[in-house]
Amino acid sequence: MENKIAKIFSYIFHPILIPAYIFSIILYLVPYLSVTFTHEFKLMVIGIVLITTCIIPLILFSLFYKLNLLESLLMETKEERTLPLLLISISYYTTYYIFRKLNLPPLTTIIMLSACISSIITLLINYKWKISIHCVGWGSFTGLMIGIFNYYMITNISIIISLFFISGLVAYSRLQLKAHNYSQVYAGYIIGFLSMLLIIH
């Protein structure tokens, strides 16, 4: 039963969904973004993020699996994660490039470029060590939100508490499923958290 719950948490809070979660929050909470764009434009931006960083990579992952370039869609070994991480890095940079062409505010492009850098760092670490990508993602998400809220003087404790709580559930899930050990989980979270917090500051 606990393994089933852990799998559900791992899927719902999968790192591939994090960019869409991030933009769903910042476009409505960061003052100059929330008043500058219409609701329809915000949905368009979120849609672009969802397509470029989630839907297209998932389609390509499935294609790679059918072509036997991936042994499993679960990507349990560090060797299997190399190609998907490279693809994710490219998808983040592509989104950054699209945002630049659309002349979106600097914060949006900084987020995507930072996410690209974070995924490349994860890719490099993955060559030697199977770090937790889930925890890198949620550490990045939490660090990013703290940095943005501090910079724009936004007070929303509930979101920060929720992010820490979800991060804990994600870490528990990865450990429960024996996908990672404690050091891989903690290292992933700390690297993600500090990299995004320092970039935003």
N, C-alpha and C. Protein backbone atom coordinates (compact mmCIF):
# COMPACT_ATOMS: atom_id res chain seq x y z
N MET A 1 0.83 -1.22 0.00
CA MET A 1 0.00 0.00 0.00
C MET A 1 0.86 1.27 0.00
N GLU A 2 1.91 1.26 0.86
CA GLU A 2 2.78 2.43 0.93
C GLU A 2 3.50 2.66 -0.40
N ASN A 3 3.88 1.59 -1.07
CA ASN A 3 4.55 1.72 -2.36
C ASN A 3 3.61 2.32 -3.41
N LYS A 4 2.34 1.94 -3.37
CA LYS A 4 1.36 2.49 -4.31
C LYS A 4 1.19 3.99 -4.09
N ILE A 5 1.12 4.39 -2.83
CA ILE A 5 0.99 5.82 -2.50
C ILE A 5 2.24 6.57 -2.96
N ALA A 6 3.40 5.96 -2.72
CA ALA A 6 4.66 6.59 -3.12
C ALA A 6 4.72 6.76 -4.64
N LYS A 7 4.22 5.78 -5.38
CA LYS A 7 4.20 5.88 -6.84
C LYS A 7 3.28 7.00 -7.30
N ILE A 8 2.13 7.13 -6.64
CA ILE A 8 1.18 8.20 -6.98
C ILE A 8 1.82 9.56 -6.77
N PHE A 9 2.50 9.74 -5.62
CA PHE A 9 3.20 11.01 -5.34
C PHE A 9 4.27 11.28 -6.39
N SER A 10 5.01 10.22 -6.77
CA SER A 10 6.09 10.38 -7.74
C SER A 10 5.56 10.83 -9.10
N TYR A 11 4.36 10.35 -9.47
CA TYR A 11 3.77 10.74 -10.75
C TYR A 11 3.16 12.13 -10.70
N ILE A 12 2.38 12.40 -9.65
CA ILE A 12 1.71 13.71 -9.54
C ILE A 12 2.73 14.84 -9.44
N PHE A 13 3.79 14.59 -8.70
CA PHE A 13 4.81 15.61 -8.47
C PHE A 13 6.07 15.34 -9.29
N HIS A 14 5.88 14.75 -10.46
CA HIS A 14 7.02 14.45 -11.33
C HIS A 14 7.68 15.76 -11.78
N PRO A 15 9.01 15.79 -11.83
CA PRO A 15 9.71 17.04 -12.18
C PRO A 15 9.38 17.59 -13.56
N ILE A 16 8.89 16.75 -14.47
CA ILE A 16 8.57 17.23 -15.82
C ILE A 16 7.39 18.20 -15.80
N LEU A 17 6.61 18.17 -14.71
CA LEU A 17 5.45 19.07 -14.59
C LEU A 17 5.80 20.39 -13.89
N ILE A 18 6.98 20.46 -13.29
CA ILE A 18 7.33 21.61 -12.46
C ILE A 18 7.32 22.94 -13.22
N PRO A 19 7.89 23.06 -14.43
CA PRO A 19 7.82 24.36 -15.13
C PRO A 19 6.40 24.89 -15.29
N ALA A 20 5.46 24.00 -15.61
CA ALA A 20 4.06 24.42 -15.75
C ALA A 20 3.51 24.89 -14.41
N TYR A 21 3.87 24.18 -13.33
CA TYR A 21 3.45 24.60 -11.98
C TYR A 21 4.00 25.99 -11.66
N ILE A 22 5.28 26.19 -11.98
CA ILE A 22 5.95 27.46 -11.67
C ILE A 22 5.24 28.63 -12.35
N PHE A 23 4.99 28.50 -13.64
CA PHE A 23 4.38 29.62 -14.37
C PHE A 23 2.91 29.82 -14.01
N SER A 24 2.27 28.76 -13.56
CA SER A 24 0.89 28.90 -13.09
C SER A 24 0.83 29.75 -11.82
N ILE A 25 1.93 29.76 -11.08
CA ILE A 25 1.98 30.56 -9.84
C ILE A 25 2.46 31.98 -10.12
N ILE A 26 3.61 32.11 -10.80
CA ILE A 26 4.21 33.45 -10.91
C ILE A 26 3.40 34.40 -11.78
N LEU A 27 2.71 33.87 -12.79
CA LEU A 27 1.94 34.76 -13.66
C LEU A 27 0.75 35.40 -12.96
N TYR A 28 0.36 34.80 -11.84
CA TYR A 28 -0.79 35.34 -11.11
C TYR A 28 -0.40 35.99 -9.78
N LEU A 29 0.82 35.73 -9.31
CA LEU A 29 1.22 36.27 -8.01
C LEU A 29 2.26 37.39 -8.08
N VAL A 30 3.14 37.36 -9.07
CA VAL A 30 4.13 38.43 -9.20
C VAL A 30 3.41 39.66 -9.74
N PRO A 31 3.42 40.76 -8.98
CA PRO A 31 2.59 41.94 -9.32
C PRO A 31 2.68 42.42 -10.75
N TYR A 32 3.91 42.68 -11.26
CA TYR A 32 3.99 43.28 -12.59
C TYR A 32 3.61 42.30 -13.70
N LEU A 33 3.68 41.00 -13.42
CA LEU A 33 3.23 40.01 -14.40
C LEU A 33 1.71 39.86 -14.36
N SER A 34 1.15 39.86 -13.18
CA SER A 34 -0.29 39.63 -13.03
C SER A 34 -1.12 40.77 -13.61
N VAL A 35 -0.60 42.00 -13.56
CA VAL A 35 -1.36 43.16 -14.07
C VAL A 35 -1.04 43.46 -15.54
N THR A 36 0.12 42.99 -16.01
CA THR A 36 0.53 43.28 -17.38
C THR A 36 -0.20 42.42 -18.40
N PHE A 37 -0.38 41.16 -18.07
CA PHE A 37 -0.95 40.22 -19.03
C PHE A 37 -2.42 39.92 -18.76
N THR A 38 -3.16 39.67 -19.83
CA THR A 38 -4.55 39.24 -19.70
C THR A 38 -4.58 37.77 -19.28
N HIS A 39 -5.73 37.34 -18.82
CA HIS A 39 -5.88 35.94 -18.42
C HIS A 39 -5.60 35.01 -19.60
N GLU A 40 -6.08 35.40 -20.78
CA GLU A 40 -5.88 34.58 -21.97
C GLU A 40 -4.40 34.46 -22.33
N PHE A 41 -3.66 35.57 -22.19
CA PHE A 41 -2.23 35.54 -22.51
C PHE A 41 -1.48 34.66 -21.50
N LYS A 42 -1.88 34.73 -20.25
CA LYS A 42 -1.25 33.90 -19.22
C LYS A 42 -1.46 32.42 -19.54
N LEU A 43 -2.68 32.08 -19.94
CA LEU A 43 -2.97 30.69 -20.30
C LEU A 43 -2.15 30.26 -21.50
N MET A 44 -1.92 31.18 -22.44
CA MET A 44 -1.11 30.87 -23.61
C MET A 44 0.33 30.56 -23.20
N VAL A 45 0.88 31.37 -22.29
CA VAL A 45 2.25 31.16 -21.82
C VAL A 45 2.36 29.82 -21.10
N ILE A 46 1.40 29.54 -20.22
CA ILE A 46 1.40 28.26 -19.51
C ILE A 46 1.28 27.11 -20.50
N GLY A 47 0.45 27.30 -21.54
CA GLY A 47 0.30 26.27 -22.57
C GLY A 47 1.59 26.01 -23.32
N ILE A 48 2.33 27.09 -23.63
CA ILE A 48 3.62 26.93 -24.31
C ILE A 48 4.58 26.12 -23.44
N VAL A 49 4.63 26.47 -22.17
CA VAL A 49 5.51 25.77 -21.23
C VAL A 49 5.12 24.30 -21.13
N LEU A 50 3.82 24.04 -21.04
CA LEU A 50 3.34 22.65 -20.90
C LEU A 50 3.69 21.83 -22.14
N ILE A 51 3.54 22.43 -23.31
CA ILE A 51 3.83 21.72 -24.56
C ILE A 51 5.33 21.47 -24.73
N THR A 52 6.14 22.52 -24.54
CA THR A 52 7.57 22.40 -24.83
C THR A 52 8.35 21.64 -23.76
N THR A 53 7.93 21.73 -22.51
CA THR A 53 8.71 21.09 -21.43
C THR A 53 8.11 19.80 -20.90
N CYS A 54 6.88 19.48 -21.34
CA CYS A 54 6.22 18.28 -20.82
C CYS A 54 5.71 17.37 -21.94
N ILE A 55 4.77 17.88 -22.72
CA ILE A 55 4.11 17.02 -23.71
C ILE A 55 5.08 16.51 -24.78
N ILE A 56 5.84 17.42 -25.39
CA ILE A 56 6.79 16.99 -26.44
C ILE A 56 7.86 16.04 -25.88
N PRO A 57 8.49 16.36 -24.72
CA PRO A 57 9.46 15.40 -24.17
C PRO A 57 8.84 14.03 -23.88
N LEU A 58 7.60 13.99 -23.36
CA LEU A 58 6.96 12.70 -23.08
C LEU A 58 6.73 11.90 -24.35
N ILE A 59 6.34 12.59 -25.42
CA ILE A 59 6.15 11.91 -26.71
C ILE A 59 7.49 11.34 -27.20
N LEU A 60 8.54 12.14 -27.05
CA LEU A 60 9.87 11.69 -27.50
C LEU A 60 10.39 10.55 -26.63
N PHE A 61 10.12 10.60 -25.31
CA PHE A 61 10.52 9.50 -24.43
C PHE A 61 9.88 8.20 -24.90
N SER A 62 8.58 8.27 -25.22
CA SER A 62 7.86 7.08 -25.68
C SER A 62 8.44 6.58 -27.00
N LEU A 63 8.80 7.51 -27.88
CA LEU A 63 9.40 7.14 -29.16
C LEU A 63 10.75 6.47 -28.96
N PHE A 64 11.56 7.04 -28.07
CA PHE A 64 12.88 6.46 -27.77
C PHE A 64 12.73 5.05 -27.20
N TYR A 65 11.68 4.86 -26.38
CA TYR A 65 11.43 3.54 -25.79
C TYR A 65 11.09 2.52 -26.88
N LYS A 66 10.25 2.94 -27.82
CA LYS A 66 9.86 2.05 -28.92
C LYS A 66 11.04 1.73 -29.83
N LEU A 67 11.97 2.67 -29.94
CA LEU A 67 13.16 2.47 -30.77
C LEU A 67 14.28 1.77 -30.00
N ASN A 68 13.97 1.36 -28.75
CA ASN A 68 14.93 0.66 -27.89
C ASN A 68 16.12 1.53 -27.49
N LEU A 69 15.92 2.85 -27.53
CA LEU A 69 16.95 3.75 -27.04
C LEU A 69 16.86 3.92 -25.52
N LEU A 70 15.70 3.53 -24.98
CA LEU A 70 15.50 3.49 -23.54
C LEU A 70 15.02 2.09 -23.16
N GLU A 71 15.61 1.52 -22.11
CA GLU A 71 15.20 0.18 -21.68
C GLU A 71 13.88 0.22 -20.94
N SER A 72 13.61 1.34 -20.27
CA SER A 72 12.39 1.45 -19.49
C SER A 72 11.98 2.92 -19.41
N LEU A 73 10.68 3.17 -19.41
CA LEU A 73 10.18 4.54 -19.27
C LEU A 73 10.38 5.05 -17.84
N LEU A 74 10.66 4.14 -16.91
CA LEU A 74 10.91 4.55 -15.53
C LEU A 74 12.31 5.12 -15.35
N MET A 75 13.22 4.81 -16.28
CA MET A 75 14.58 5.35 -16.26
C MET A 75 15.24 5.16 -14.89
N GLU A 76 15.35 3.92 -14.48
CA GLU A 76 15.81 3.60 -13.13
C GLU A 76 17.31 3.70 -12.96
N THR A 77 18.08 3.54 -14.02
CA THR A 77 19.53 3.62 -13.91
C THR A 77 20.03 4.97 -14.39
N LYS A 78 21.22 5.35 -13.93
CA LYS A 78 21.76 6.65 -14.34
C LYS A 78 22.08 6.68 -15.83
N GLU A 79 22.41 5.50 -16.40
CA GLU A 79 22.70 5.43 -17.83
C GLU A 79 21.45 5.76 -18.66
N GLU A 80 20.30 5.28 -18.20
CA GLU A 80 19.05 5.54 -18.92
C GLU A 80 18.60 6.99 -18.83
N ARG A 81 19.13 7.72 -17.87
CA ARG A 81 18.69 9.09 -17.65
C ARG A 81 19.44 10.12 -18.49
N THR A 82 20.55 9.70 -19.10
CA THR A 82 21.38 10.65 -19.84
C THR A 82 20.63 11.29 -21.01
N LEU A 83 20.03 10.48 -21.85
CA LEU A 83 19.31 11.00 -23.01
C LEU A 83 18.11 11.85 -22.61
N PRO A 84 17.26 11.40 -21.67
CA PRO A 84 16.14 12.24 -21.25
C PRO A 84 16.58 13.57 -20.64
N LEU A 85 17.64 13.56 -19.84
CA LEU A 85 18.12 14.81 -19.24
C LEU A 85 18.64 15.77 -20.31
N LEU A 86 19.30 15.23 -21.31
CA LEU A 86 19.77 16.06 -22.42
C LEU A 86 18.58 16.66 -23.17
N LEU A 87 17.56 15.85 -23.38
CA LEU A 87 16.36 16.32 -24.07
C LEU A 87 15.65 17.40 -23.26
N ILE A 88 15.57 17.21 -21.95
CA ILE A 88 14.93 18.20 -21.08
C ILE A 88 15.71 19.51 -21.12
N SER A 89 17.03 19.43 -21.10
CA SER A 89 17.86 20.64 -21.18
C SER A 89 17.57 21.40 -22.47
N ILE A 90 17.46 20.66 -23.56
CA ILE A 90 17.16 21.28 -24.86
C ILE A 90 15.76 21.90 -24.85
N SER A 91 14.80 21.21 -24.24
CA SER A 91 13.43 21.73 -24.20
C SER A 91 13.36 23.01 -23.37
N TYR A 92 14.14 23.07 -22.28
CA TYR A 92 14.16 24.29 -21.47
C TYR A 92 14.78 25.45 -22.24
N TYR A 93 15.85 25.16 -22.97
CA TYR A 93 16.49 26.22 -23.75
C TYR A 93 15.57 26.68 -24.88
N THR A 94 14.86 25.75 -25.48
CA THR A 94 13.91 26.09 -26.55
C THR A 94 12.83 27.02 -26.02
N THR A 95 12.33 26.72 -24.82
CA THR A 95 11.30 27.58 -24.20
C THR A 95 11.87 28.95 -23.91
N TYR A 96 13.09 28.99 -23.41
CA TYR A 96 13.78 30.27 -23.17
C TYR A 96 13.87 31.07 -24.47
N TYR A 97 14.24 30.40 -25.56
CA TYR A 97 14.38 31.06 -26.85
C TYR A 97 13.02 31.61 -27.33
N ILE A 98 11.97 30.83 -27.17
CA ILE A 98 10.62 31.28 -27.56
C ILE A 98 10.21 32.50 -26.75
N PHE A 99 10.48 32.47 -25.45
CA PHE A 99 10.13 33.61 -24.59
C PHE A 99 10.89 34.86 -25.00
N ARG A 100 12.16 34.69 -25.39
CA ARG A 100 12.95 35.83 -25.86
C ARG A 100 12.32 36.42 -27.11
N LYS A 101 11.90 35.56 -28.03
CA LYS A 101 11.30 36.01 -29.28
C LYS A 101 9.96 36.71 -29.04
N LEU A 102 9.26 36.29 -28.00
CA LEU A 102 7.96 36.90 -27.67
C LEU A 102 8.12 38.17 -26.84
N ASN A 103 9.39 38.50 -26.52
CA ASN A 103 9.70 39.68 -25.70
C ASN A 103 8.99 39.65 -24.34
N LEU A 104 8.97 38.46 -23.75
CA LEU A 104 8.38 38.35 -22.42
C LEU A 104 9.32 38.98 -21.39
N PRO A 105 8.79 39.36 -20.23
CA PRO A 105 9.60 40.01 -19.19
C PRO A 105 10.81 39.16 -18.79
N PRO A 106 11.89 39.83 -18.36
CA PRO A 106 13.14 39.13 -18.01
C PRO A 106 12.97 37.97 -17.02
N LEU A 107 12.05 38.12 -16.07
CA LEU A 107 11.88 37.07 -15.07
C LEU A 107 11.54 35.74 -15.72
N THR A 108 10.68 35.76 -16.73
CA THR A 108 10.27 34.51 -17.38
C THR A 108 11.43 33.85 -18.11
N THR A 109 12.25 34.66 -18.78
CA THR A 109 13.40 34.09 -19.50
C THR A 109 14.48 33.62 -18.53
N ILE A 110 14.66 34.36 -17.43
CA ILE A 110 15.65 33.97 -16.43
C ILE A 110 15.29 32.61 -15.83
N ILE A 111 14.01 32.41 -15.56
CA ILE A 111 13.55 31.15 -14.99
C ILE A 111 13.88 29.98 -15.92
N MET A 112 13.57 30.13 -17.20
CA MET A 112 13.81 29.03 -18.13
C MET A 112 15.30 28.80 -18.37
N LEU A 113 16.08 29.87 -18.43
CA LEU A 113 17.53 29.70 -18.61
C LEU A 113 18.14 29.06 -17.37
N SER A 114 17.67 29.46 -16.19
CA SER A 114 18.15 28.87 -14.94
C SER A 114 17.79 27.39 -14.86
N ALA A 115 16.57 27.06 -15.30
CA ALA A 115 16.15 25.67 -15.30
C ALA A 115 17.02 24.84 -16.25
N CYS A 116 17.37 25.44 -17.37
CA CYS A 116 18.26 24.77 -18.34
C CYS A 116 19.62 24.50 -17.72
N ILE A 117 20.17 25.50 -17.04
CA ILE A 117 21.48 25.35 -16.39
C ILE A 117 21.41 24.27 -15.30
N SER A 118 20.33 24.29 -14.52
CA SER A 118 20.14 23.31 -13.45
C SER A 118 20.07 21.89 -14.02
N SER A 119 19.37 21.72 -15.14
CA SER A 119 19.24 20.39 -15.75
C SER A 119 20.58 19.91 -16.33
N ILE A 120 21.37 20.85 -16.84
CA ILE A 120 22.69 20.49 -17.36
C ILE A 120 23.61 20.06 -16.22
N ILE A 121 23.54 20.78 -15.09
CA ILE A 121 24.32 20.39 -13.91
C ILE A 121 23.92 18.98 -13.46
N THR A 122 22.61 18.73 -13.44
CA THR A 122 22.11 17.41 -13.06
C THR A 122 22.61 16.34 -14.03
N LEU A 123 22.62 16.68 -15.32
CA LEU A 123 23.11 15.75 -16.35
C LEU A 123 24.58 15.41 -16.11
N LEU A 124 25.39 16.42 -15.79
CA LEU A 124 26.82 16.19 -15.56
C LEU A 124 27.05 15.33 -14.32
N ILE A 125 26.27 15.61 -13.27
CA ILE A 125 26.39 14.81 -12.05
C ILE A 125 25.97 13.37 -12.33
N ASN A 126 24.94 13.22 -13.16
CA ASN A 126 24.38 11.90 -13.46
C ASN A 126 25.40 10.96 -14.11
N TYR A 127 26.39 11.52 -14.79
CA TYR A 127 27.41 10.68 -15.41
C TYR A 127 28.17 9.86 -14.36
N LYS A 128 28.30 10.43 -13.16
CA LYS A 128 29.06 9.77 -12.10
C LYS A 128 28.18 9.20 -10.99
N TRP A 129 27.01 9.79 -10.82
CA TRP A 129 26.22 9.48 -9.62
C TRP A 129 24.74 9.63 -9.92
N LYS A 130 23.92 8.70 -9.47
CA LYS A 130 22.49 8.73 -9.72
C LYS A 130 21.78 9.63 -8.70
N ILE A 131 21.84 10.92 -8.95
CA ILE A 131 21.20 11.88 -8.06
C ILE A 131 19.69 11.88 -8.29
N SER A 132 18.92 12.28 -7.30
CA SER A 132 17.46 12.30 -7.41
C SER A 132 16.99 13.50 -8.23
N ILE A 133 16.49 13.24 -9.44
CA ILE A 133 15.99 14.31 -10.30
C ILE A 133 14.73 14.91 -9.71
N HIS A 134 13.90 14.07 -9.08
CA HIS A 134 12.69 14.58 -8.41
C HIS A 134 13.06 15.63 -7.38
N CYS A 135 14.08 15.32 -6.56
CA CYS A 135 14.44 16.25 -5.48
C CYS A 135 15.17 17.48 -6.00
N VAL A 136 15.94 17.33 -7.08
CA VAL A 136 16.54 18.51 -7.72
C VAL A 136 15.43 19.44 -8.17
N GLY A 137 14.40 18.87 -8.80
CA GLY A 137 13.30 19.67 -9.31
C GLY A 137 12.54 20.41 -8.23
N TRP A 138 12.19 19.70 -7.16
CA TRP A 138 11.41 20.36 -6.10
C TRP A 138 12.27 21.27 -5.24
N GLY A 139 13.55 20.97 -5.12
CA GLY A 139 14.46 21.90 -4.45
C GLY A 139 14.57 23.19 -5.26
N SER A 140 14.67 23.05 -6.59
CA SER A 140 14.74 24.21 -7.48
C SER A 140 13.46 25.04 -7.38
N PHE A 141 12.33 24.36 -7.39
CA PHE A 141 11.02 25.02 -7.31
C PHE A 141 10.92 25.84 -6.03
N THR A 142 11.29 25.22 -4.91
CA THR A 142 11.20 25.89 -3.61
C THR A 142 12.16 27.07 -3.52
N GLY A 143 13.42 26.86 -3.93
CA GLY A 143 14.40 27.94 -3.90
C GLY A 143 14.00 29.09 -4.79
N LEU A 144 13.46 28.77 -5.96
CA LEU A 144 13.01 29.79 -6.91
C LEU A 144 11.90 30.64 -6.31
N MET A 145 10.90 29.99 -5.73
CA MET A 145 9.76 30.73 -5.17
C MET A 145 10.18 31.61 -4.00
N ILE A 146 11.07 31.10 -3.15
CA ILE A 146 11.56 31.90 -2.03
C ILE A 146 12.31 33.12 -2.55
N GLY A 147 13.16 32.91 -3.56
CA GLY A 147 13.90 34.02 -4.15
C GLY A 147 12.99 35.06 -4.78
N ILE A 148 11.99 34.62 -5.54
CA ILE A 148 11.06 35.54 -6.20
C ILE A 148 10.22 36.29 -5.18
N PHE A 149 9.70 35.57 -4.21
CA PHE A 149 8.86 36.21 -3.19
C PHE A 149 9.65 37.24 -2.39
N ASN A 150 10.91 36.91 -2.09
CA ASN A 150 11.75 37.85 -1.35
C ASN A 150 12.07 39.08 -2.20
N TYR A 151 12.40 38.88 -3.48
CA TYR A 151 12.78 39.98 -4.36
C TYR A 151 11.61 40.93 -4.60
N TYR A 152 10.42 40.36 -4.80
CA TYR A 152 9.25 41.20 -5.08
C TYR A 152 8.42 41.51 -3.83
N MET A 153 8.97 41.13 -2.68
CA MET A 153 8.32 41.39 -1.38
C MET A 153 6.88 40.86 -1.36
N ILE A 154 6.73 39.62 -1.81
CA ILE A 154 5.43 38.96 -1.80
C ILE A 154 5.33 38.10 -0.54
N THR A 155 4.26 38.26 0.17
CA THR A 155 4.05 37.47 1.38
C THR A 155 3.00 36.40 1.10
N ASN A 156 3.46 35.18 0.98
CA ASN A 156 2.54 34.06 0.75
C ASN A 156 3.14 32.82 1.39
N ILE A 157 3.01 32.77 2.70
CA ILE A 157 3.61 31.69 3.48
C ILE A 157 3.01 30.34 3.10
N SER A 158 1.73 30.34 2.74
CA SER A 158 1.05 29.07 2.46
C SER A 158 1.70 28.33 1.28
N ILE A 159 2.12 29.07 0.26
CA ILE A 159 2.76 28.43 -0.89
C ILE A 159 4.12 27.85 -0.51
N ILE A 160 4.89 28.63 0.26
CA ILE A 160 6.22 28.14 0.68
C ILE A 160 6.09 26.89 1.55
N ILE A 161 5.16 26.93 2.50
CA ILE A 161 4.93 25.76 3.37
C ILE A 161 4.50 24.57 2.53
N SER A 162 3.61 24.82 1.56
CA SER A 162 3.13 23.74 0.68
C SER A 162 4.27 23.13 -0.11
N LEU A 163 5.19 23.98 -0.59
CA LEU A 163 6.33 23.48 -1.38
C LEU A 163 7.26 22.61 -0.52
N PHE A 164 7.50 23.05 0.71
CA PHE A 164 8.33 22.23 1.61
C PHE A 164 7.63 20.91 1.92
N PHE A 165 6.32 20.97 2.11
CA PHE A 165 5.55 19.76 2.43
C PHE A 165 5.59 18.78 1.25
N ILE A 166 5.34 19.30 0.04
CA ILE A 166 5.37 18.45 -1.15
C ILE A 166 6.78 17.88 -1.36
N SER A 167 7.79 18.71 -1.12
CA SER A 167 9.18 18.24 -1.25
C SER A 167 9.44 17.06 -0.33
N GLY A 168 8.89 17.15 0.88
CA GLY A 168 9.02 16.05 1.83
C GLY A 168 8.34 14.79 1.34
N LEU A 169 7.13 14.95 0.76
CA LEU A 169 6.41 13.80 0.20
C LEU A 169 7.19 13.17 -0.95
N VAL A 170 7.78 14.01 -1.77
CA VAL A 170 8.56 13.52 -2.91
C VAL A 170 9.78 12.74 -2.42
N ALA A 171 10.49 13.31 -1.45
CA ALA A 171 11.67 12.64 -0.90
C ALA A 171 11.29 11.29 -0.28
N TYR A 172 10.19 11.29 0.47
CA TYR A 172 9.68 10.05 1.08
C TYR A 172 9.38 9.01 0.00
N SER A 173 8.72 9.46 -1.07
CA SER A 173 8.33 8.55 -2.15
C SER A 173 9.53 7.90 -2.81
N ARG A 174 10.56 8.71 -3.10
CA ARG A 174 11.76 8.17 -3.76
C ARG A 174 12.49 7.17 -2.86
N LEU A 175 12.49 7.45 -1.55
CA LEU A 175 13.13 6.53 -0.61
C LEU A 175 12.30 5.27 -0.43
N GLN A 176 10.98 5.43 -0.33
CA GLN A 176 10.08 4.30 -0.15
C GLN A 176 10.16 3.33 -1.33
N LEU A 177 10.28 3.89 -2.52
CA LEU A 177 10.37 3.06 -3.73
C LEU A 177 11.77 2.52 -3.97
N LYS A 178 12.70 2.91 -3.06
CA LYS A 178 14.11 2.50 -3.18
C LYS A 178 14.73 2.95 -4.51
N ALA A 179 14.23 4.07 -5.02
CA ALA A 179 14.78 4.63 -6.25
C ALA A 179 16.09 5.34 -5.96
N HIS A 180 16.25 5.80 -4.70
CA HIS A 180 17.44 6.53 -4.29
C HIS A 180 17.74 6.25 -2.83
N ASN A 181 18.98 6.57 -2.42
CA ASN A 181 19.31 6.51 -1.01
C ASN A 181 19.24 7.93 -0.44
N TYR A 182 19.48 8.05 0.86
CA TYR A 182 19.32 9.34 1.54
C TYR A 182 20.25 10.41 0.97
N SER A 183 21.49 10.05 0.70
CA SER A 183 22.45 11.04 0.21
C SER A 183 22.05 11.57 -1.16
N GLN A 184 21.50 10.71 -2.02
CA GLN A 184 21.08 11.13 -3.35
C GLN A 184 19.87 12.06 -3.28
N VAL A 185 18.99 11.79 -2.32
CA VAL A 185 17.80 12.63 -2.13
C VAL A 185 18.19 13.99 -1.56
N TYR A 186 18.98 13.98 -0.47
CA TYR A 186 19.37 15.24 0.16
C TYR A 186 20.23 16.09 -0.76
N ALA A 187 21.19 15.45 -1.44
CA ALA A 187 22.07 16.19 -2.35
C ALA A 187 21.27 16.82 -3.48
N GLY A 188 20.31 16.07 -4.02
CA GLY A 188 19.48 16.59 -5.10
C GLY A 188 18.70 17.82 -4.67
N TYR A 189 18.11 17.74 -3.49
CA TYR A 189 17.30 18.86 -3.01
C TYR A 189 18.16 20.09 -2.73
N ILE A 190 19.28 19.90 -2.08
CA ILE A 190 20.15 21.02 -1.73
C ILE A 190 20.71 21.69 -2.98
N ILE A 191 21.16 20.88 -3.94
CA ILE A 191 21.71 21.44 -5.19
C ILE A 191 20.64 22.24 -5.93
N GLY A 192 19.45 21.68 -6.05
CA GLY A 192 18.36 22.38 -6.73
C GLY A 192 17.97 23.65 -6.01
N PHE A 193 17.83 23.56 -4.70
CA PHE A 193 17.40 24.70 -3.88
C PHE A 193 18.39 25.86 -3.97
N LEU A 194 19.66 25.56 -3.73
CA LEU A 194 20.68 26.63 -3.69
C LEU A 194 20.94 27.22 -5.07
N SER A 195 20.93 26.38 -6.11
CA SER A 195 21.23 26.89 -7.45
C SER A 195 20.19 27.92 -7.89
N MET A 196 18.93 27.63 -7.66
CA MET A 196 17.88 28.57 -8.08
C MET A 196 17.80 29.77 -7.17
N LEU A 197 17.98 29.57 -5.87
CA LEU A 197 17.93 30.70 -4.93
C LEU A 197 19.03 31.69 -5.21
N LEU A 198 20.24 31.20 -5.48
CA LEU A 198 21.38 32.08 -5.75
C LEU A 198 21.22 32.82 -7.08
N ILE A 199 20.65 32.14 -8.08
CA ILE A 199 20.46 32.78 -9.39
C ILE A 199 19.45 33.91 -9.29
N ILE A 200 18.37 33.69 -8.58
CA ILE A 200 17.32 34.71 -8.45
C ILE A 200 17.83 35.91 -7.66
N HIS A 201 18.69 35.65 -6.68
CA HIS A 201 19.23 36.77 -5.90
C HIS A 201 20.31 37.52 -6.69
